[in-house]
PDB file of N, CA and C in Angstrom:
ATOM      1  N   MET A   1       0.396  -1.289   0.071  1.00  0.00           N
ATOM      2  CA  MET A   1      -0.823  -0.281   0.226  1.00  0.00           C
ATOM      3  C   MET A   1       0.917   1.295  -0.485  1.00  0.00           C
ATOM      4  N   ASP A   2       1.164   2.233  -1.385  1.00  0.00           N
ATOM      5  CA  ASP A   2       2.081   2.961  -0.711  1.00  0.00           C
ATOM      6  C   ASP A   2       1.373   4.089  -0.780  1.00  0.00           C
ATOM      7  N   ASN A   3       0.163   4.265  -1.570  1.00  0.00           N
ATOM      8  CA  ASN A   3      -0.503   5.295  -1.445  1.00  0.00           C
ATOM      9  C   ASN A   3      -2.060   5.150   0.197  1.00  0.00           C
ATOM     10  N   TRP A   4      -1.489   6.093   1.539  1.00  0.00           N
ATOM     11  CA  TRP A   4      -2.659   5.935   2.805  1.00  0.00           C
ATOM     12  C   TRP A   4      -3.364   6.811   2.477  1.00  0.00           C
ATOM     13  N   ASN A   5      -4.695   6.239   2.444  1.00  0.00           N
ATOM     14  CA  ASN A   5      -5.731   7.313   2.951  1.00  0.00           C
ATOM     15  C   ASN A   5      -6.804   7.158   3.899  1.00  0.00           C
ATOM     16  N   LEU A   6      -7.888   8.782   4.183  1.00  0.00           N
ATOM     17  CA  LEU A   6      -8.732   8.100   4.913  1.00  0.00           C
ATOM     18  C   LEU A   6      -8.926   7.239   5.495  1.00  0.00           C
ATOM     19  N   THR A   7      -9.797   6.257   4.023  1.00  0.00           N
ATOM     20  CA  THR A   7     -10.424   4.986   4.354  1.00  0.00           C
ATOM     21  C   THR A   7      -9.560   3.891   4.715  1.00  0.00           C
ATOM     22  N   SER A   8      -8.063   4.289   4.007  1.00  0.00           N
ATOM     23  CA  SER A   8      -7.397   2.577   4.338  1.00  0.00           C
ATOM     24  C   SER A   8      -6.708   2.835   6.068  1.00  0.00           C
ATOM     25  N   VAL A   9      -6.367   4.362   6.556  1.00  0.00           N
ATOM     26  CA  VAL A   9      -6.350   4.382   7.883  1.00  0.00           C
ATOM     27  C   VAL A   9      -7.211   4.154   9.010  1.00  0.00           C
ATOM     28  N   GLY A  10      -8.911   4.007   8.321  1.00  0.00           N
ATOM     29  CA  GLY A  10      -9.758   4.124   8.930  1.00  0.00           C
ATOM     30  C   GLY A  10     -10.388   2.965   9.337  1.00  0.00           C
ATOM     31  N   LEU A  11      -9.865   1.713   7.871  1.00  0.00           N
ATOM     32  CA  LEU A  11     -10.156   0.486   8.500  1.00  0.00           C
ATOM     33  C   LEU A  11      -8.933  -0.296   8.677  1.00  0.00           C
ATOM     34  N   VAL A  12      -7.900   0.331   8.928  1.00  0.00           N
ATOM     35  CA  VAL A  12      -6.865  -0.638  10.059  1.00  0.00           C
ATOM     36  C   VAL A  12      -7.680   0.236  11.055  1.00  0.00           C
ATOM     37  N   LEU A  13      -7.485   0.953  11.439  1.00  0.00           N
ATOM     38  CA  LEU A  13      -7.947   1.510  12.951  1.00  0.00           C
ATOM     39  C   LEU A  13      -9.191   0.915  13.180  1.00  0.00           C
ATOM     40  N   ILE A  14     -10.279   0.838  12.405  1.00  0.00           N
ATOM     41  CA  ILE A  14     -11.373  -0.349  12.954  1.00  0.00           C
ATOM     42  C   ILE A  14     -11.312  -1.684  13.293  1.00  0.00           C
ATOM     43  N   GLY A  15     -10.222  -2.195  12.755  1.00  0.00           N
ATOM     44  CA  GLY A  15     -10.299  -3.286  12.194  1.00  0.00           C
ATOM     45  C   GLY A  15      -9.166  -3.911  13.719  1.00  0.00           C
ATOM     46  N   CYS A  16      -8.185  -2.856  13.916  1.00  0.00           N
ATOM     47  CA  CYS A  16      -7.692  -3.363  15.494  1.00  0.00           C
ATOM     48  C   CYS A  16      -8.726  -2.611  16.550  1.00  0.00           C
ATOM     49  N   SER A  17      -9.157  -1.978  16.548  1.00  0.00           N
ATOM     50  CA  SER A  17     -10.327  -1.944  17.233  1.00  0.00           C
ATOM     51  C   SER A  17     -10.968  -2.549  18.147  1.00  0.00           C
ATOM     52  N   ILE A  18     -11.833  -3.708  17.069  1.00  0.00           N
ATOM     53  CA  ILE A  18     -11.904  -5.025  16.845  1.00  0.00           C
ATOM     54  C   ILE A  18     -11.684  -5.602  17.898  1.00  0.00           C
ATOM     55  N   THR A  19     -10.521  -5.743  17.296  1.00  0.00           N
ATOM     56  CA  THR A  19      -9.338  -7.328  17.696  1.00  0.00           C
ATOM     57  C   THR A  19      -8.980  -7.055  19.373  1.00  0.00           C
ATOM     58  N   VAL A  20      -8.924  -5.631  19.634  1.00  0.00           N
ATOM     59  CA  VAL A  20      -8.289  -5.172  20.826  1.00  0.00           C
ATOM     60  C   VAL A  20      -9.674  -5.448  21.720  1.00  0.00           C
ATOM     61  N   ALA A  21     -11.116  -5.312  21.293  1.00  0.00           N
ATOM     62  CA  ALA A  21     -12.573  -5.060  21.972  1.00  0.00           C
ATOM     63  C   ALA A  21     -12.662  -7.148  22.036  1.00  0.00           C
ATOM     64  N   GLY A  22     -12.652  -7.224  21.053  1.00  0.00           N
ATOM     65  CA  GLY A  22     -12.707  -8.830  21.523  1.00  0.00           C
ATOM     66  C   GLY A  22     -11.604  -9.718  22.435  1.00  0.00           C
ATOM     67  N   THR A  23     -10.486  -9.133  22.600  1.00  0.00           N
ATOM     68  CA  THR A  23      -9.219  -9.818  23.030  1.00  0.00           C
ATOM     69  C   THR A  23      -9.922  -9.661  24.494  1.00  0.00           C
ATOM     70  N   ILE A  24     -10.103  -8.121  24.899  1.00  0.00           N
ATOM     71  CA  ILE A  24     -10.465  -7.908  25.938  1.00  0.00           C
ATOM     72  C   ILE A  24     -12.210  -8.602  26.844  1.00  0.00           C
ATOM     73  N   ILE A  25     -12.774  -8.750  25.851  1.00  0.00           N
ATOM     74  CA  ILE A  25     -13.762  -9.314  26.059  1.00  0.00           C
ATOM     75  C   ILE A  25     -14.158 -10.823  26.475  1.00  0.00           C
ATOM     76  N   ALA A  26     -13.185 -11.816  25.759  1.00  0.00           N
ATOM     77  CA  ALA A  26     -12.580 -12.923  26.119  1.00  0.00           C
ATOM     78  C   ALA A  26     -11.650 -13.075  26.799  1.00  0.00           C
ATOM     79  N   ALA A  27     -10.754 -12.250  27.678  1.00  0.00           N
ATOM     80  CA  ALA A  27     -10.924 -12.385  28.713  1.00  0.00           C
ATOM     81  C   ALA A  27     -11.549 -11.996  29.844  1.00  0.00           C
ATOM     82  N   LEU A  28     -12.529 -11.542  29.611  1.00  0.00           N
ATOM     83  CA  LEU A  28     -13.488 -11.200  30.840  1.00  0.00           C
ATOM     84  C   LEU A  28     -13.836 -12.511  30.953  1.00  0.00           C
ATOM     85  N   LEU A  29     -14.983 -12.714  30.127  1.00  0.00           N
ATOM     86  CA  LEU A  29     -15.447 -14.284  29.577  1.00  0.00           C
ATOM     87  C   LEU A  29     -14.789 -15.287  30.081  1.00  0.00           C
ATOM     88  N   LEU A  30     -13.100 -15.680  30.162  1.00  0.00           N
ATOM     89  CA  LEU A  30     -12.592 -16.649  30.474  1.00  0.00           C
ATOM     90  C   LEU A  30     -12.058 -15.834  32.513  1.00  0.00           C
ATOM     91  N   GLY A  31     -12.095 -15.527  32.608  1.00  0.00           N
ATOM     92  CA  GLY A  31     -12.181 -14.811  34.132  1.00  0.00           C
ATOM     93  C   GLY A  31     -11.441 -14.071  34.646  1.00  0.00           C
ATOM     94  N   ILE A  32     -10.452 -13.747  33.667  1.00  0.00           N
ATOM     95  CA  ILE A  32      -9.403 -13.203  34.517  1.00  0.00           C
ATOM     96  C   ILE A  32      -9.757 -11.354  34.605  1.00  0.00           C
ATOM     97  N   SER A  33      -9.302 -10.413  35.705  1.00  0.00           N
ATOM     98  CA  SER A  33      -9.823  -9.682  36.217  1.00  0.00           C
ATOM     99  C   SER A  33      -9.061  -8.705  36.126  1.00  0.00           C
ATOM    100  N   ILE A  34      -9.815  -7.866  34.996  1.00  0.00           N
ATOM    101  CA  ILE A  34      -8.636  -6.629  34.324  1.00  0.00           C
ATOM    102  C   ILE A  34      -9.589  -5.007  35.287  1.00  0.00           C
ATOM    103  N   GLY A  35      -9.122  -4.530  36.205  1.00  0.00           N
ATOM    104  CA  GLY A  35      -9.599  -3.023  36.006  1.00  0.00           C
ATOM    105  C   GLY A  35     -10.232  -2.316  35.734  1.00  0.00           C
ATOM    106  N   ILE A  36      -9.412  -2.424  34.866  1.00  0.00           N
ATOM    107  CA  ILE A  36      -9.953  -0.971  33.451  1.00  0.00           C
ATOM    108  C   ILE A  36     -10.687  -0.972  32.172  1.00  0.00           C
ATOM    109  N   ALA A  37     -11.181  -2.517  32.264  1.00  0.00           N
ATOM    110  CA  ALA A  37     -11.875  -2.967  31.097  1.00  0.00           C
ATOM    111  C   ALA A  37     -12.868  -2.297  30.335  1.00  0.00           C
ATOM    112  N   PRO A  38     -13.957  -1.789  31.754  1.00  0.00           N
ATOM    113  CA  PRO A  38     -14.651  -0.611  31.230  1.00  0.00           C
ATOM    114  C   PRO A  38     -13.862   0.017  30.618  1.00  0.00           C
ATOM    115  N   TYR A  39     -12.706   1.010  30.645  1.00  0.00           N
ATOM    116  CA  TYR A  39     -12.421   2.230  30.627  1.00  0.00           C
ATOM    117  C   TYR A  39     -11.716   1.881  29.252  1.00  0.00           C
ATOM    118  N   LEU A  40     -10.845   0.480  28.752  1.00  0.00           N
ATOM    119  CA  LEU A  40     -11.125  -0.060  27.498  1.00  0.00           C
ATOM    120  C   LEU A  40     -11.842  -0.039  26.660  1.00  0.00           C
ATOM    121  N   LEU A  41     -13.066  -0.664  26.755  1.00  0.00           N
ATOM    122  CA  LEU A  41     -14.296  -0.714  26.418  1.00  0.00           C
ATOM    123  C   LEU A  41     -14.897   0.584  25.777  1.00  0.00           C
ATOM    124  N   ILE A  42     -15.010   1.369  26.505  1.00  0.00           N
ATOM    125  CA  ILE A  42     -15.169   2.476  26.091  1.00  0.00           C
ATOM    126  C   ILE A  42     -14.289   3.493  24.524  1.00  0.00           C
ATOM    127  N   THR A  43     -13.208   3.139  25.711  1.00  0.00           N
ATOM    128  CA  THR A  43     -11.988   3.999  24.634  1.00  0.00           C
ATOM    129  C   THR A  43     -12.287   3.119  23.189  1.00  0.00           C
ATOM    130  N   THR A  44     -12.389   1.592  22.769  1.00  0.00           N
ATOM    131  CA  THR A  44     -12.662   1.036  21.747  1.00  0.00           C
ATOM    132  C   THR A  44     -13.901   1.185  21.113  1.00  0.00           C
ATOM    133  N   ALA A  45     -14.695   1.290  21.874  1.00  0.00           N
ATOM    134  CA  ALA A  45     -16.114   2.195  20.946  1.00  0.00           C
ATOM    135  C   ALA A  45     -15.873   3.248  20.606  1.00  0.00           C
ATOM    136  N   LEU A  46     -15.268   3.991  21.228  1.00  0.00           N
ATOM    137  CA  LEU A  46     -14.923   5.570  21.154  1.00  0.00           C
ATOM    138  C   LEU A  46     -14.104   4.995  19.488  1.00  0.00           C
ATOM    139  N   LEU A  47     -13.184   4.978  19.155  1.00  0.00           N
ATOM    140  CA  LEU A  47     -12.283   4.601  18.552  1.00  0.00           C
ATOM    141  C   LEU A  47     -13.100   3.786  16.890  1.00  0.00           C
ATOM    142  N   ILE A  48     -14.223   3.392  17.515  1.00  0.00           N
ATOM    143  CA  ILE A  48     -14.015   2.293  16.048  1.00  0.00           C
ATOM    144  C   ILE A  48     -15.546   3.026  15.856  1.00  0.00           C
ATOM    145  N   VAL A  49     -16.316   4.253  16.261  1.00  0.00           N
ATOM    146  CA  VAL A  49     -17.281   5.297  15.864  1.00  0.00           C
ATOM    147  C   VAL A  49     -15.980   6.345  14.994  1.00  0.00           C
ATOM    148  N   MET A  50     -15.154   6.593  15.670  1.00  0.00           N
ATOM    149  CA  MET A  50     -14.359   7.794  15.263  1.00  0.00           C
ATOM    150  C   MET A  50     -13.838   7.330  13.246  1.00  0.00           C
ATOM    151  N   SER A  51     -13.447   5.929  13.826  1.00  0.00           N
ATOM    152  CA  SER A  51     -12.813   5.371  12.442  1.00  0.00           C
ATOM    153  C   SER A  51     -13.957   4.845  11.399  1.00  0.00           C
ATOM    154  N   ALA A  52     -15.333   4.608  11.807  1.00  0.00           N
ATOM    155  CA  ALA A  52     -16.505   4.301  10.703  1.00  0.00           C
ATOM    156  C   ALA A  52     -16.310   6.063   9.991  1.00  0.00           C
ATOM    157  N   ILE A  53     -16.426   6.978  10.564  1.00  0.00           N
ATOM    158  CA  ILE A  53     -16.520   8.635  10.167  1.00  0.00           C
ATOM    159  C   ILE A  53     -15.531   8.816   9.439  1.00  0.00           C
ATOM    160  N   LEU A  54     -13.923   8.127   9.404  1.00  0.00           N
ATOM    161  CA  LEU A  54     -13.523   8.192   8.770  1.00  0.00           C
ATOM    162  C   LEU A  54     -13.490   8.062   7.544  1.00  0.00           C
ATOM    163  N   ILE A  55     -14.024   6.563   7.927  1.00  0.00           N
ATOM    164  CA  ILE A  55     -14.361   5.629   6.360  1.00  0.00           C
ATOM    165  C   ILE A  55     -14.849   6.285   5.238  1.00  0.00           C
ATOM    166  N   ILE A  56     -16.489   6.540   5.912  1.00  0.00           N
ATOM    167  CA  ILE A  56     -17.341   7.327   5.233  1.00  0.00           C
ATOM    168  C   ILE A  56     -17.521   8.646   4.777  1.00  0.00           C
ATOM    169  N   TYR A  57     -15.717   9.335   5.579  1.00  0.00           N
ATOM    170  CA  TYR A  57     -15.556  10.713   5.044  1.00  0.00           C
ATOM    171  C   TYR A  57     -14.120  10.253   3.780  1.00  0.00           C
ATOM    172  N   GLY A  58     -13.482   9.843   4.251  1.00  0.00           N
ATOM    173  CA  GLY A  58     -12.742   9.126   3.164  1.00  0.00           C
ATOM    174  C   GLY A  58     -13.361   8.564   1.886  1.00  0.00           C
ATOM    175  N   ASP A  59     -14.407   8.314   1.665  1.00  0.00           N
ATOM    176  CA  ASP A  59     -14.891   7.121   1.101  1.00  0.00           C
ATOM    177  C   ASP A  59     -15.988   8.430  -0.055  1.00  0.00           C
ATOM    178  N   GLN A  60     -16.426   9.817   0.348  1.00  0.00           N
ATOM    179  CA  GLN A  60     -16.666  10.430  -0.241  1.00  0.00           C
ATOM    180  C   GLN A  60     -16.297  11.372  -0.426  1.00  0.00           C
ATOM    181  N   GLU A  61     -14.980  11.503  -0.029  1.00  0.00           N
ATOM    182  CA  GLU A  61     -13.863  12.869  -0.715  1.00  0.00           C
ATOM    183  C   GLU A  61     -13.241  11.980  -1.959  1.00  0.00           C
ATOM    184  N   ALA A  62     -13.022  10.467  -2.134  1.00  0.00           N
ATOM    185  CA  ALA A  62     -12.539   9.458  -3.382  1.00  0.00           C
ATOM    186  C   ALA A  62     -13.371  10.076  -4.024  1.00  0.00           C
ATOM    187  N   ASN A  63     -15.334   9.705  -3.551  1.00  0.00           N
ATOM    188  CA  ASN A  63     -16.090   9.499  -5.352  1.00  0.00           C
ATOM    189  C   ASN A  63     -15.744  10.659  -5.506  1.00  0.00           C
ATOM    190  N   ALA A  64     -15.465  12.205  -4.599  1.00  0.00           N
ATOM    191  CA  ALA A  64     -15.958  13.947  -5.255  1.00  0.00           C
ATOM    192  C   ALA A  64     -15.203  14.166  -6.148  1.00  0.00           C
ATOM    193  N   GLY A  65     -13.784  13.565  -6.122  1.00  0.00           N
ATOM    194  CA  GLY A  65     -12.491  14.386  -6.791  1.00  0.00           C
ATOM    195  C   GLY A  65     -11.408  13.413  -6.888  1.00  0.00           C
TER     196      GLY A  65
END
């Protein structure tokens, strides 16, 4: 990937955020005590929303020009 645009950054960010959230949830289901898990899940949810906005904005920008 020679040319990084907003859509590709958003796709990488959303993929990583979903993976991290799934790992945190799996650890909690296995009984591992994570004290800051709620804050980490809120952070990943915010990153997912921000990356979805980046994907939509980047796609509209690419189609316009």
